[in-house]
């Protein structure tokens, strides 16, 4: 049975049928792994996927579907993260924040090994960059952040705000948009 997710994935991937099926299978498996590991991360990724798709329709229309796909797997590196960090309800200390940051590198490495499209990898690589340069991993600033990273960062932040965290209550849509 074809699901709504599969329809979105199918329209997102523009490669030939065999390569498309390979990419769709990998994305589907990775997202299923995220859902099994942490339902909150999966929900966050789905919200991010919807928002990045909408933003991409404005800023990078031809790749909008790929933004949806890439957002589903942007946090795949969290599979290796200890539960105390991934599912914890406390603010993180310096060492724990460094472990948290590692999810970006782990995710990029995994997606690269799986030969995912560059846009999918870039969404994972740059989703924690910030326009003022305060982000990570590379500390890029302004337009030095690739478009994929800017769309991903905005979508990721919005998804975080509306889903909340154990140590931070969730925001309503209007409040999240104004932040």
Foldseek 3Di string as FASTA:
>chain_A
DDDPLNVLLLLQDDDDDVVSVLQSVVLVVLLVLVCVQDVLLQQLLQQLLVQLLVVCCVVPVVNSSVLSSLSSQLQSLCSPPDCCLVQNQDDDDPVSVVSVQVSLVSSLVVCVVSVHDPLSSLLNNQLQADQCQPGDDVSDHHPVRDPSNVSNVLSSQLSCQQSDGSNGDHDDNVVSVVD
